[in-house]
């Protein structure tokens, strides 16, 4: 049986990130503290398909389990999501330098 496609941005990014991490829905459910196969996988499935949205604490656990920033899942633009993802992987000093560059670029009249 083919899984139901994600209907939300959060769900689409969650499924892609989970698969990229090589995790099953049950694996991710266990990380969330849902040890029962009949609870964990269905809950993650509902997040992925958009039937339910995780609360902020659960979204943070999901992000941590997948080694991604929470903001990545919520960015409404794919380019912004990728920027969030890439910048989050840099050391703090480099993130600060990029932030300074962006501030300069935005404040400079064109």
PDB file of N, CA and C in Angstrom:
ATOM      1  N   UNK A   1       0.839  -1.175   0.000  1.00  0.00           N
ATOM      2  CA  UNK A   1       0.000   0.000   0.000  1.00  0.00           C
ATOM      3  C   UNK A   1       0.889   1.246   0.000  1.00  0.00           C
ATOM      4  N   UNK A   2       0.616   2.156  -0.876  1.00  0.00           N
ATOM      5  CA  UNK A   2       1.396   3.391  -1.025  1.00  0.00           C
ATOM      6  C   UNK A   2       1.045   4.368   0.104  1.00  0.00           C
ATOM      7  N   UNK A   3       2.052   4.981   0.769  1.00  0.00           N
ATOM      8  CA  UNK A   3       1.734   5.934   1.828  1.00  0.00           C
ATOM      9  C   UNK A   3       1.032   7.167   1.266  1.00  0.00           C
ATOM     10  N   UNK A   4       0.153   7.725   2.100  1.00  0.00           N
ATOM     11  CA  UNK A   4      -0.569   8.929   1.707  1.00  0.00           C
ATOM     12  C   UNK A   4       0.431  10.082   1.572  1.00  0.00           C
ATOM     13  N   UNK A   5       0.341  10.866   0.500  1.00  0.00           N
ATOM     14  CA  UNK A   5       1.291  11.963   0.316  1.00  0.00           C
ATOM     15  C   UNK A   5       1.070  13.084   1.338  1.00  0.00           C
ATOM     16  N   UNK A   6       2.136  13.763   1.725  1.00  0.00           N
ATOM     17  CA  UNK A   6       1.991  14.879   2.663  1.00  0.00           C
ATOM     18  C   UNK A   6       1.137  15.991   2.059  1.00  0.00           C
ATOM     19  N   UNK A   7       0.283  16.578   2.895  1.00  0.00           N
ATOM     20  CA  UNK A   7      -0.561  17.667   2.401  1.00  0.00           C
ATOM     21  C   UNK A   7      -0.140  19.020   2.969  1.00  0.00           C
ATOM     22  N   UNK A   8       0.850  19.005   3.854  1.00  0.00           N
ATOM     23  CA  UNK A   8       1.327  20.261   4.442  1.00  0.00           C
ATOM     24  C   UNK A   8       2.820  20.406   4.193  1.00  0.00           C
ATOM     25  N   UNK A   9       3.279  21.609   4.267  1.00  0.00           N
ATOM     26  CA  UNK A   9       4.709  21.891   4.133  1.00  0.00           C
ATOM     27  C   UNK A   9       5.494  21.177   5.230  1.00  0.00           C
ATOM     28  N   UNK A  10       5.000  21.282   6.472  1.00  0.00           N
ATOM     29  CA  UNK A  10       5.665  20.608   7.585  1.00  0.00           C
ATOM     30  C   UNK A  10       5.749  19.110   7.299  1.00  0.00           C
ATOM     31  N   UNK A  11       4.631  18.521   6.872  1.00  0.00           N
ATOM     32  CA  UNK A  11       4.597  17.085   6.605  1.00  0.00           C
ATOM     33  C   UNK A  11       5.543  16.664   5.495  1.00  0.00           C
ATOM     34  N   UNK A  12       5.602  17.470   4.441  1.00  0.00           N
ATOM     35  CA  UNK A  12       6.494  17.156   3.316  1.00  0.00           C
ATOM     36  C   UNK A  12       7.945  17.175   3.765  1.00  0.00           C
ATOM     37  N   UNK A  13       8.311  18.218   4.501  1.00  0.00           N
ATOM     38  CA  UNK A  13       9.704  18.317   4.969  1.00  0.00           C
ATOM     39  C   UNK A  13      10.013  17.243   6.007  1.00  0.00           C
ATOM     40  N   UNK A  14       9.053  16.944   6.864  1.00  0.00           N
ATOM     41  CA  UNK A  14       9.263  15.908   7.872  1.00  0.00           C
ATOM     42  C   UNK A  14       9.519  14.557   7.209  1.00  0.00           C
ATOM     43  N   UNK A  15       8.679  14.187   6.261  1.00  0.00           N
ATOM     44  CA  UNK A  15       8.856  12.885   5.604  1.00  0.00           C
ATOM     45  C   UNK A  15      10.204  12.820   4.885  1.00  0.00           C
ATOM     46  N   UNK A  16      10.539  13.863   4.155  1.00  0.00           N
ATOM     47  CA  UNK A  16      11.811  13.862   3.421  1.00  0.00           C
ATOM     48  C   UNK A  16      12.993  13.763   4.387  1.00  0.00           C
ATOM     49  N   UNK A  17      12.937  14.504   5.493  1.00  0.00           N
ATOM     50  CA  UNK A  17      14.044  14.486   6.460  1.00  0.00           C
ATOM     51  C   UNK A  17      14.138  13.124   7.154  1.00  0.00           C
ATOM     52  N   UNK A  18      12.997  12.554   7.493  1.00  0.00           N
ATOM     53  CA  UNK A  18      12.994  11.248   8.151  1.00  0.00           C
ATOM     54  C   UNK A  18      13.575  10.180   7.228  1.00  0.00           C
ATOM     55  N   UNK A  19      13.162  10.193   5.980  1.00  0.00           N
ATOM     56  CA  UNK A  19      13.693   9.215   5.026  1.00  0.00           C
ATOM     57  C   UNK A  19      15.183   9.432   4.777  1.00  0.00           C
ATOM     58  N   UNK A  20      15.586  10.695   4.683  1.00  0.00           N
ATOM     59  CA  UNK A  20      17.015  11.011   4.498  1.00  0.00           C
ATOM     60  C   UNK A  20      17.845  10.485   5.673  1.00  0.00           C
ATOM     61  N   UNK A  21      17.259  10.529   6.871  1.00  0.00           N
ATOM     62  CA  UNK A  21      17.952  10.040   8.067  1.00  0.00           C
ATOM     63  C   UNK A  21      17.903   8.515   8.171  1.00  0.00           C
ATOM     64  N   UNK A  22      17.154   7.868   7.270  1.00  0.00           N
ATOM     65  CA  UNK A  22      17.057   6.413   7.299  1.00  0.00           C
ATOM     66  C   UNK A  22      16.199   5.884   8.436  1.00  0.00           C
ATOM     67  N   UNK A  23      15.257   6.696   8.881  1.00  0.00           N
ATOM     68  CA  UNK A  23      14.394   6.298   9.995  1.00  0.00           C
ATOM     69  C   UNK A  23      13.010   5.898   9.486  1.00  0.00           C
ATOM     70  N   UNK A  24      12.432   4.914  10.144  1.00  0.00           N
ATOM     71  CA  UNK A  24      11.037   4.583   9.879  1.00  0.00           C
ATOM     72  C   UNK A  24      10.167   5.498  10.740  1.00  0.00           C
ATOM     73  N   UNK A  25       8.879   5.485  10.462  1.00  0.00           N
ATOM     74  CA  UNK A  25       7.965   6.253  11.311  1.00  0.00           C
ATOM     75  C   UNK A  25       8.001   5.722  12.736  1.00  0.00           C
ATOM     76  N   UNK A  26       8.119   4.415  12.892  1.00  0.00           N
ATOM     77  CA  UNK A  26       8.204   3.812  14.223  1.00  0.00           C
ATOM     78  C   UNK A  26       9.482   4.249  14.943  1.00  0.00           C
ATOM     79  N   UNK A  27      10.601   4.322  14.208  1.00  0.00           N
ATOM     80  CA  UNK A  27      11.857   4.786  14.807  1.00  0.00           C
ATOM     81  C   UNK A  27      11.690   6.196  15.369  1.00  0.00           C
ATOM     82  N   UNK A  28      11.122   7.074  14.567  1.00  0.00           N
ATOM     83  CA  UNK A  28      10.934   8.453  15.011  1.00  0.00           C
ATOM     84  C   UNK A  28       9.944   8.504  16.167  1.00  0.00           C
ATOM     85  N   UNK A  29       8.918   7.684  16.113  1.00  0.00           N
ATOM     86  CA  UNK A  29       7.962   7.616  17.222  1.00  0.00           C
ATOM     87  C   UNK A  29       8.642   7.234  18.521  1.00  0.00           C
ATOM     88  N   UNK A  30       9.567   6.282  18.459  1.00  0.00           N
ATOM     89  CA  UNK A  30      10.307   5.880  19.666  1.00  0.00           C
ATOM     90  C   UNK A  30      11.124   7.044  20.224  1.00  0.00           C
ATOM     91  N   UNK A  31      11.747   7.828  19.338  1.00  0.00           N
ATOM     92  CA  UNK A  31      12.517   8.992  19.782  1.00  0.00           C
ATOM     93  C   UNK A  31      11.607   9.984  20.500  1.00  0.00           C
ATOM     94  N   UNK A  32      10.357  10.044  20.064  1.00  0.00           N
ATOM     95  CA  UNK A  32       9.388  10.957  20.673  1.00  0.00           C
ATOM     96  C   UNK A  32       8.801  10.395  21.965  1.00  0.00           C
ATOM     97  N   UNK A  33       9.232   9.182  22.338  1.00  0.00           N
ATOM     98  CA  UNK A  33       8.736   8.566  23.567  1.00  0.00           C
ATOM     99  C   UNK A  33       7.499   7.722  23.360  1.00  0.00           C
ATOM    100  N   UNK A  34       7.183   7.426  22.106  1.00  0.00           N
ATOM    101  CA  UNK A  34       6.026   6.597  21.776  1.00  0.00           C
ATOM    102  C   UNK A  34       6.539   5.215  21.414  1.00  0.00           C
ATOM    103  N   UNK A  35       6.781   4.397  22.436  1.00  0.00           N
ATOM    104  CA  UNK A  35       7.458   3.119  22.241  1.00  0.00           C
ATOM    105  C   UNK A  35       6.597   2.061  21.577  1.00  0.00           C
ATOM    106  N   UNK A  36       5.308   2.162  21.724  1.00  0.00           N
ATOM    107  CA  UNK A  36       4.398   1.168  21.148  1.00  0.00           C
ATOM    108  C   UNK A  36       4.297   1.370  19.637  1.00  0.00           C
ATOM    109  N   UNK A  37       4.557   0.335  18.867  1.00  0.00           N
ATOM    110  CA  UNK A  37       4.492   0.376  17.400  1.00  0.00           C
ATOM    111  C   UNK A  37       3.128   0.903  16.936  1.00  0.00           C
ATOM    112  N   UNK A  38       2.080   0.599  17.708  1.00  0.00           N
ATOM    113  CA  UNK A  38       0.731   1.002  17.332  1.00  0.00           C
ATOM    114  C   UNK A  38       0.440   2.459  17.696  1.00  0.00           C
ATOM    115  N   UNK A  39       1.352   3.118  18.355  1.00  0.00           N
ATOM    116  CA  UNK A  39       1.178   4.527  18.712  1.00  0.00           C
ATOM    117  C   UNK A  39       2.149   5.404  17.944  1.00  0.00           C
ATOM    118  N   UNK A  40       3.428   5.041  17.936  1.00  0.00           N
ATOM    119  CA  UNK A  40       4.473   5.887  17.347  1.00  0.00           C
ATOM    120  C   UNK A  40       4.335   6.098  15.855  1.00  0.00           C
ATOM    121  N   UNK A  41       4.289   5.015  15.094  1.00  0.00           N
ATOM    122  CA  UNK A  41       4.216   5.137  13.636  1.00  0.00           C
ATOM    123  C   UNK A  41       2.941   5.857  13.187  1.00  0.00           C
ATOM    124  N   UNK A  42       1.770   5.531  13.738  1.00  0.00           N
ATOM    125  CA  UNK A  42       0.572   6.260  13.316  1.00  0.00           C
ATOM    126  C   UNK A  42       0.626   7.752  13.648  1.00  0.00           C
ATOM    127  N   UNK A  43       1.221   8.088  14.791  1.00  0.00           N
ATOM    128  CA  UNK A  43       1.315   9.509  15.164  1.00  0.00           C
ATOM    129  C   UNK A  43       2.194  10.252  14.167  1.00  0.00           C
ATOM    130  N   UNK A  44       3.371   9.685  13.853  1.00  0.00           N
ATOM    131  CA  UNK A  44       4.272  10.310  12.887  1.00  0.00           C
ATOM    132  C   UNK A  44       3.590  10.394  11.521  1.00  0.00           C
ATOM    133  N   UNK A  45       2.878   9.358  11.157  1.00  0.00           N
ATOM    134  CA  UNK A  45       2.146   9.368   9.890  1.00  0.00           C
ATOM    135  C   UNK A  45       1.157  10.536   9.843  1.00  0.00           C
ATOM    136  N   UNK A  46       0.454  10.764  10.930  1.00  0.00           N
ATOM    137  CA  UNK A  46      -0.510  11.880  10.972  1.00  0.00           C
ATOM    138  C   UNK A  46       0.193  13.224  10.854  1.00  0.00           C
ATOM    139  N   UNK A  47       1.395  13.338  11.424  1.00  0.00           N
ATOM    140  CA  UNK A  47       2.164  14.583  11.258  1.00  0.00           C
ATOM    141  C   UNK A  47       2.574  14.751   9.801  1.00  0.00           C
ATOM    142  N   UNK A  48       3.002  13.656   9.189  1.00  0.00           N
ATOM    143  CA  UNK A  48       3.478  13.723   7.805  1.00  0.00           C
ATOM    144  C   UNK A  48       2.349  14.013   6.813  1.00  0.00           C
ATOM    145  N   UNK A  49       1.193  13.463   7.060  1.00  0.00           N
ATOM    146  CA  UNK A  49       0.089  13.663   6.119  1.00  0.00           C
ATOM    147  C   UNK A  49      -0.683  14.946   6.385  1.00  0.00           C
ATOM    148  N   UNK A  50      -0.401  15.603   7.504  1.00  0.00           N
ATOM    149  CA  UNK A  50      -1.076  16.855   7.807  1.00  0.00           C
ATOM    150  C   UNK A  50      -2.378  16.691   8.568  1.00  0.00           C
ATOM    151  N   UNK A  51      -2.688  15.482   8.984  1.00  0.00           N
ATOM    152  CA  UNK A  51      -3.912  15.285   9.775  1.00  0.00           C
ATOM    153  C   UNK A  51      -3.783  15.919  11.147  1.00  0.00           C
ATOM    154  N   UNK A  52      -2.554  15.999  11.655  1.00  0.00           N
ATOM    155  CA  UNK A  52      -2.279  16.638  12.943  1.00  0.00           C
ATOM    156  C   UNK A  52      -0.988  17.431  12.836  1.00  0.00           C
ATOM    157  N   UNK A  53      -0.895  18.505  13.599  1.00  0.00           N
ATOM    158  CA  UNK A  53       0.333  19.295  13.710  1.00  0.00           C
ATOM    159  C   UNK A  53       0.927  19.021  15.087  1.00  0.00           C
ATOM    160  N   UNK A  54       2.219  18.771  15.177  1.00  0.00           N
ATOM    161  CA  UNK A  54       2.804  18.571  16.502  1.00  0.00           C
ATOM    162  C   UNK A  54       2.842  19.883  17.278  1.00  0.00           C
ATOM    163  N   UNK A  55       2.732  19.784  18.601  1.00  0.00           N
ATOM    164  CA  UNK A  55       2.895  20.991  19.412  1.00  0.00           C
ATOM    165  C   UNK A  55       4.361  21.410  19.358  1.00  0.00           C
ATOM    166  N   UNK A  56       4.670  22.571  19.901  1.00  0.00           N
ATOM    167  CA  UNK A  56       6.033  23.108  19.755  1.00  0.00           C
ATOM    168  C   UNK A  56       7.079  22.220  20.425  1.00  0.00           C
ATOM    169  N   UNK A  57       6.751  21.610  21.559  1.00  0.00           N
ATOM    170  CA  UNK A  57       7.719  20.736  22.232  1.00  0.00           C
ATOM    171  C   UNK A  57       7.993  19.479  21.385  1.00  0.00           C
ATOM    172  N   UNK A  58       6.956  18.933  20.783  1.00  0.00           N
ATOM    173  CA  UNK A  58       7.126  17.753  19.939  1.00  0.00           C
ATOM    174  C   UNK A  58       7.884  18.108  18.667  1.00  0.00           C
ATOM    175  N   UNK A  59       7.576  19.256  18.077  1.00  0.00           N
ATOM    176  CA  UNK A  59       8.313  19.697  16.881  1.00  0.00           C
ATOM    177  C   UNK A  59       9.797  19.844  17.206  1.00  0.00           C
ATOM    178  N   UNK A  60      10.103  20.358  18.397  1.00  0.00           N
ATOM    179  CA  UNK A  60      11.505  20.503  18.805  1.00  0.00           C
ATOM    180  C   UNK A  60      12.177  19.133  18.954  1.00  0.00           C
ATOM    181  N   UNK A  61      11.457  18.150  19.498  1.00  0.00           N
ATOM    182  CA  UNK A  61      12.009  16.793  19.626  1.00  0.00           C
ATOM    183  C   UNK A  61      12.252  16.173  18.245  1.00  0.00           C
ATOM    184  N   UNK A  62      11.303  16.390  17.341  1.00  0.00           N
ATOM    185  CA  UNK A  62      11.448  15.871  15.980  1.00  0.00           C
ATOM    186  C   UNK A  62      12.684  16.476  15.325  1.00  0.00           C
ATOM    187  N   UNK A  63      12.813  17.795  15.433  1.00  0.00           N
ATOM    188  CA  UNK A  63      13.954  18.487  14.833  1.00  0.00           C
ATOM    189  C   UNK A  63      15.270  17.975  15.415  1.00  0.00           C
ATOM    190  N   UNK A  64      15.309  17.816  16.728  1.00  0.00           N
ATOM    191  CA  UNK A  64      16.534  17.324  17.374  1.00  0.00           C
ATOM    192  C   UNK A  64      16.857  15.906  16.903  1.00  0.00           C
ATOM    193  N   UNK A  65      15.841  15.059  16.815  1.00  0.00           N
ATOM    194  CA  UNK A  65      16.057  13.677  16.376  1.00  0.00           C
ATOM    195  C   UNK A  65      16.597  13.611  14.959  1.00  0.00           C
ATOM    196  N   UNK A  66      16.192  14.569  14.129  1.00  0.00           N
ATOM    197  CA  UNK A  66      16.623  14.585  12.729  1.00  0.00           C
ATOM    198  C   UNK A  66      17.804  15.521  12.499  1.00  0.00           C
ATOM    199  N   UNK A  67      18.308  16.110  13.593  1.00  0.00           N
ATOM    200  CA  UNK A  67      19.457  17.010  13.543  1.00  0.00           C
ATOM    201  C   UNK A  67      19.214  18.191  12.601  1.00  0.00           C
ATOM    202  N   UNK A  68      18.026  18.794  12.741  1.00  0.00           N
ATOM    203  CA  UNK A  68      17.628  19.930  11.918  1.00  0.00           C
ATOM    204  C   UNK A  68      17.058  21.023  12.806  1.00  0.00           C
ATOM    205  N   UNK A  69      17.150  22.276  12.370  1.00  0.00           N
ATOM    206  CA  UNK A  69      16.510  23.336  13.149  1.00  0.00           C
ATOM    207  C   UNK A  69      14.992  23.301  12.959  1.00  0.00           C
ATOM    208  N   UNK A  70      14.251  23.612  14.008  1.00  0.00           N
ATOM    209  CA  UNK A  70      12.792  23.626  13.936  1.00  0.00           C
ATOM    210  C   UNK A  70      12.319  24.568  12.833  1.00  0.00           C
ATOM    211  N   UNK A  71      12.986  25.698  12.683  1.00  0.00           N
ATOM    212  CA  UNK A  71      12.582  26.693  11.677  1.00  0.00           C
ATOM    213  C   UNK A  71      12.573  26.116  10.268  1.00  0.00           C
ATOM    214  N   UNK A  72      13.410  25.138  10.005  1.00  0.00           N
ATOM    215  CA  UNK A  72      13.458  24.509   8.679  1.00  0.00           C
ATOM    216  C   UNK A  72      12.092  23.947   8.288  1.00  0.00           C
ATOM    217  N   UNK A  73      11.407  23.366   9.234  1.00  0.00           N
ATOM    218  CA  UNK A  73      10.115  22.740   8.955  1.00  0.00           C
ATOM    219  C   UNK A  73       9.004  23.756   8.696  1.00  0.00           C
ATOM    220  N   UNK A  74       9.197  24.979   9.164  1.00  0.00           N
ATOM    221  CA  UNK A  74       8.140  25.981   9.083  1.00  0.00           C
ATOM    222  C   UNK A  74       8.377  27.062   8.029  1.00  0.00           C
ATOM    223  N   UNK A  75       9.566  27.128   7.461  1.00  0.00           N
ATOM    224  CA  UNK A  75       9.858  28.158   6.453  1.00  0.00           C
ATOM    225  C   UNK A  75       8.922  27.972   5.265  1.00  0.00           C
ATOM    226  N   UNK A  76       8.235  29.052   4.877  1.00  0.00           N
ATOM    227  CA  UNK A  76       7.225  28.944   3.813  1.00  0.00           C
ATOM    228  C   UNK A  76       7.826  28.952   2.413  1.00  0.00           C
ATOM    229  N   UNK A  77       9.091  29.245   2.312  1.00  0.00           N
ATOM    230  CA  UNK A  77       9.771  29.324   1.020  1.00  0.00           C
ATOM    231  C   UNK A  77      10.893  28.282   1.019  1.00  0.00           C
ATOM    232  N   UNK A  78      10.987  27.493  -0.045  1.00  0.00           N
ATOM    233  CA  UNK A  78      12.013  26.444  -0.105  1.00  0.00           C
ATOM    234  C   UNK A  78      13.434  27.008  -0.082  1.00  0.00           C
ATOM    235  N   UNK A  79      13.631  28.160  -0.680  1.00  0.00           N
ATOM    236  CA  UNK A  79      14.971  28.773  -0.661  1.00  0.00           C
ATOM    237  C   UNK A  79      15.328  29.174   0.764  1.00  0.00           C
ATOM    238  N   UNK A  80      14.385  29.808   1.458  1.00  0.00           N
ATOM    239  CA  UNK A  80      14.624  30.195   2.842  1.00  0.00           C
ATOM    240  C   UNK A  80      14.869  28.955   3.708  1.00  0.00           C
ATOM    241  N   UNK A  81      14.126  27.893   3.468  1.00  0.00           N
ATOM    242  CA  UNK A  81      14.327  26.653   4.228  1.00  0.00           C
ATOM    243  C   UNK A  81      15.746  26.120   4.031  1.00  0.00           C
ATOM    244  N   UNK A  82      16.220  26.171   2.787  1.00  0.00           N
ATOM    245  CA  UNK A  82      17.581  25.685   2.531  1.00  0.00           C
ATOM    246  C   UNK A  82      18.621  26.592   3.181  1.00  0.00           C
ATOM    247  N   UNK A  83      18.380  27.895   3.152  1.00  0.00           N
ATOM    248  CA  UNK A  83      19.301  28.832   3.819  1.00  0.00           C
ATOM    249  C   UNK A  83      19.349  28.517   5.317  1.00  0.00           C
ATOM    250  N   UNK A  84      18.188  28.324   5.923  1.00  0.00           N
ATOM    251  CA  UNK A  84      18.123  27.989   7.351  1.00  0.00           C
ATOM    252  C   UNK A  84      18.917  26.709   7.617  1.00  0.00           C
ATOM    253  N   UNK A  85      18.706  25.718   6.786  1.00  0.00           N
ATOM    254  CA  UNK A  85      19.388  24.441   6.958  1.00  0.00           C
ATOM    255  C   UNK A  85      20.901  24.590   6.844  1.00  0.00           C
ATOM    256  N   UNK A  86      21.357  25.259   5.809  1.00  0.00           N
ATOM    257  CA  UNK A  86      22.794  25.409   5.581  1.00  0.00           C
ATOM    258  C   UNK A  86      23.456  26.263   6.654  1.00  0.00           C
ATOM    259  N   UNK A  87      22.839  27.371   6.984  1.00  0.00           N
ATOM    260  CA  UNK A  87      23.432  28.268   7.989  1.00  0.00           C
ATOM    261  C   UNK A  87      23.468  27.587   9.354  1.00  0.00           C
ATOM    262  N   UNK A  88      22.470  26.777   9.656  1.00  0.00           N
ATOM    263  CA  UNK A  88      22.440  26.106  10.961  1.00  0.00           C
ATOM    264  C   UNK A  88      23.597  25.128  11.131  1.00  0.00           C
ATOM    265  N   UNK A  89      24.192  24.695  10.042  1.00  0.00           N
ATOM    266  CA  UNK A  89      25.287  23.728  10.106  1.00  0.00           C
ATOM    267  C   UNK A  89      26.652  24.388  10.335  1.00  0.00           C
ATOM    268  N   UNK A  90      26.683  25.707  10.289  1.00  0.00           N
ATOM    269  CA  UNK A  90      27.944  26.433  10.465  1.00  0.00           C
ATOM    270  C   UNK A  90      28.225  26.716  11.932  1.00  0.00           C
ATOM    271  N   UNK A  91      29.495  26.889  12.277  1.00  0.00           N
ATOM    272  CA  UNK A  91      29.834  27.313  13.637  1.00  0.00           C
ATOM    273  C   UNK A  91      29.256  28.703  13.920  1.00  0.00           C
ATOM    274  N   UNK A  92      29.048  29.006  15.188  1.00  0.00           N
ATOM    275  CA  UNK A  92      28.409  30.258  15.599  1.00  0.00           C
ATOM    276  C   UNK A  92      29.091  31.484  15.005  1.00  0.00           C
ATOM    277  N   UNK A  93      30.391  31.531  15.018  1.00  0.00           N
ATOM    278  CA  UNK A  93      31.115  32.697  14.485  1.00  0.00           C
ATOM    279  C   UNK A  93      30.796  32.918  13.010  1.00  0.00           C
ATOM    280  N   UNK A  94      30.726  31.835  12.253  1.00  0.00           N
ATOM    281  CA  UNK A  94      30.414  31.956  10.824  1.00  0.00           C
ATOM    282  C   UNK A  94      28.953  32.364  10.617  1.00  0.00           C
ATOM    283  N   UNK A  95      28.049  31.870  11.468  1.00  0.00           N
ATOM    284  CA  UNK A  95      26.647  32.299  11.385  1.00  0.00           C
ATOM    285  C   UNK A  95      26.536  33.792  11.652  1.00  0.00           C
ATOM    286  N   UNK A  96      27.293  34.266  12.634  1.00  0.00           N
ATOM    287  CA  UNK A  96      27.277  35.702  12.943  1.00  0.00           C
ATOM    288  C   UNK A  96      27.816  36.523  11.770  1.00  0.00           C
ATOM    289  N   UNK A  97      28.853  36.040  11.113  1.00  0.00           N
ATOM    290  CA  UNK A  97      29.414  36.747   9.960  1.00  0.00           C
ATOM    291  C   UNK A  97      28.409  36.798   8.813  1.00  0.00           C
ATOM    292  N   UNK A  98      27.722  35.702   8.578  1.00  0.00           N
ATOM    293  CA  UNK A  98      26.706  35.682   7.517  1.00  0.00           C
ATOM    294  C   UNK A  98      25.554  36.612   7.864  1.00  0.00           C
ATOM    295  N   UNK A  99      25.163  36.631   9.112  1.00  0.00           N
ATOM    296  CA  UNK A  99      24.109  37.549   9.543  1.00  0.00           C
ATOM    297  C   UNK A  99      24.513  38.995   9.289  1.00  0.00           C
ATOM    298  N   UNK A 100      25.759  39.334   9.587  1.00  0.00           N
ATOM    299  CA  UNK A 100      26.248  40.696   9.336  1.00  0.00           C
ATOM    300  C   UNK A 100      26.207  41.022   7.846  1.00  0.00           C
ATOM    301  N   UNK A 101      26.588  40.059   7.004  1.00  0.00           N
ATOM    302  CA  UNK A 101      26.531  40.268   5.550  1.00  0.00           C
ATOM    303  C   UNK A 101      25.097  40.501   5.074  1.00  0.00           C
ATOM    304  N   UNK A 102      24.182  39.715   5.598  1.00  0.00           N
ATOM    305  CA  UNK A 102      22.777  39.861   5.206  1.00  0.00           C
ATOM    306  C   UNK A 102      22.236  41.207   5.671  1.00  0.00           C
ATOM    307  N   UNK A 103      22.542  41.589   6.894  1.00  0.00           N
ATOM    308  CA  UNK A 103      22.084  42.896   7.396  1.00  0.00           C
ATOM    309  C   UNK A 103      22.620  44.022   6.525  1.00  0.00           C
ATOM    310  N   UNK A 104      23.896  43.925   6.161  1.00  0.00           N
ATOM    311  CA  UNK A 104      24.505  44.947   5.318  1.00  0.00           C
ATOM    312  C   UNK A 104      23.815  44.994   3.954  1.00  0.00           C
ATOM    313  N   UNK A 105      23.560  43.834   3.402  1.00  0.00           N
ATOM    314  CA  UNK A 105      22.924  43.752   2.077  1.00  0.00           C
ATOM    315  C   UNK A 105      21.509  44.337   2.100  1.00  0.00           C
ATOM    316  N   UNK A 106      20.765  44.046   3.136  1.00  0.00           N
ATOM    317  CA  UNK A 106      19.385  44.515   3.257  1.00  0.00           C
ATOM    318  C   UNK A 106      19.338  46.016   3.510  1.00  0.00           C
ATOM    319  N   UNK A 107      20.282  46.527   4.286  1.00  0.00           N
ATOM    320  CA  UNK A 107      20.236  47.958   4.631  1.00  0.00           C
ATOM    321  C   UNK A 107      20.877  48.862   3.581  1.00  0.00           C
ATOM    322  N   UNK A 108      21.596  48.277   2.619  1.00  0.00           N
ATOM    323  CA  UNK A 108      22.230  49.063   1.575  1.00  0.00           C
ATOM    324  C   UNK A 108      21.208  49.347   0.480  1.00  0.00           C
ATOM    325  N   UNK A 109      20.979  50.654   0.168  1.00  0.00           N
ATOM    326  CA  UNK A 109      20.035  50.966  -0.902  1.00  0.00           C
ATOM    327  C   UNK A 109      20.569  50.485  -2.255  1.00  0.00           C
ATOM    328  N   UNK A 110      19.658  50.057  -3.093  1.00  0.00           N
ATOM    329  CA  UNK A 110      20.073  49.551  -4.408  1.00  0.00           C
ATOM    330  C   UNK A 110      19.769  50.556  -5.478  1.00  0.00           C
TER     331      UNK A 110
END
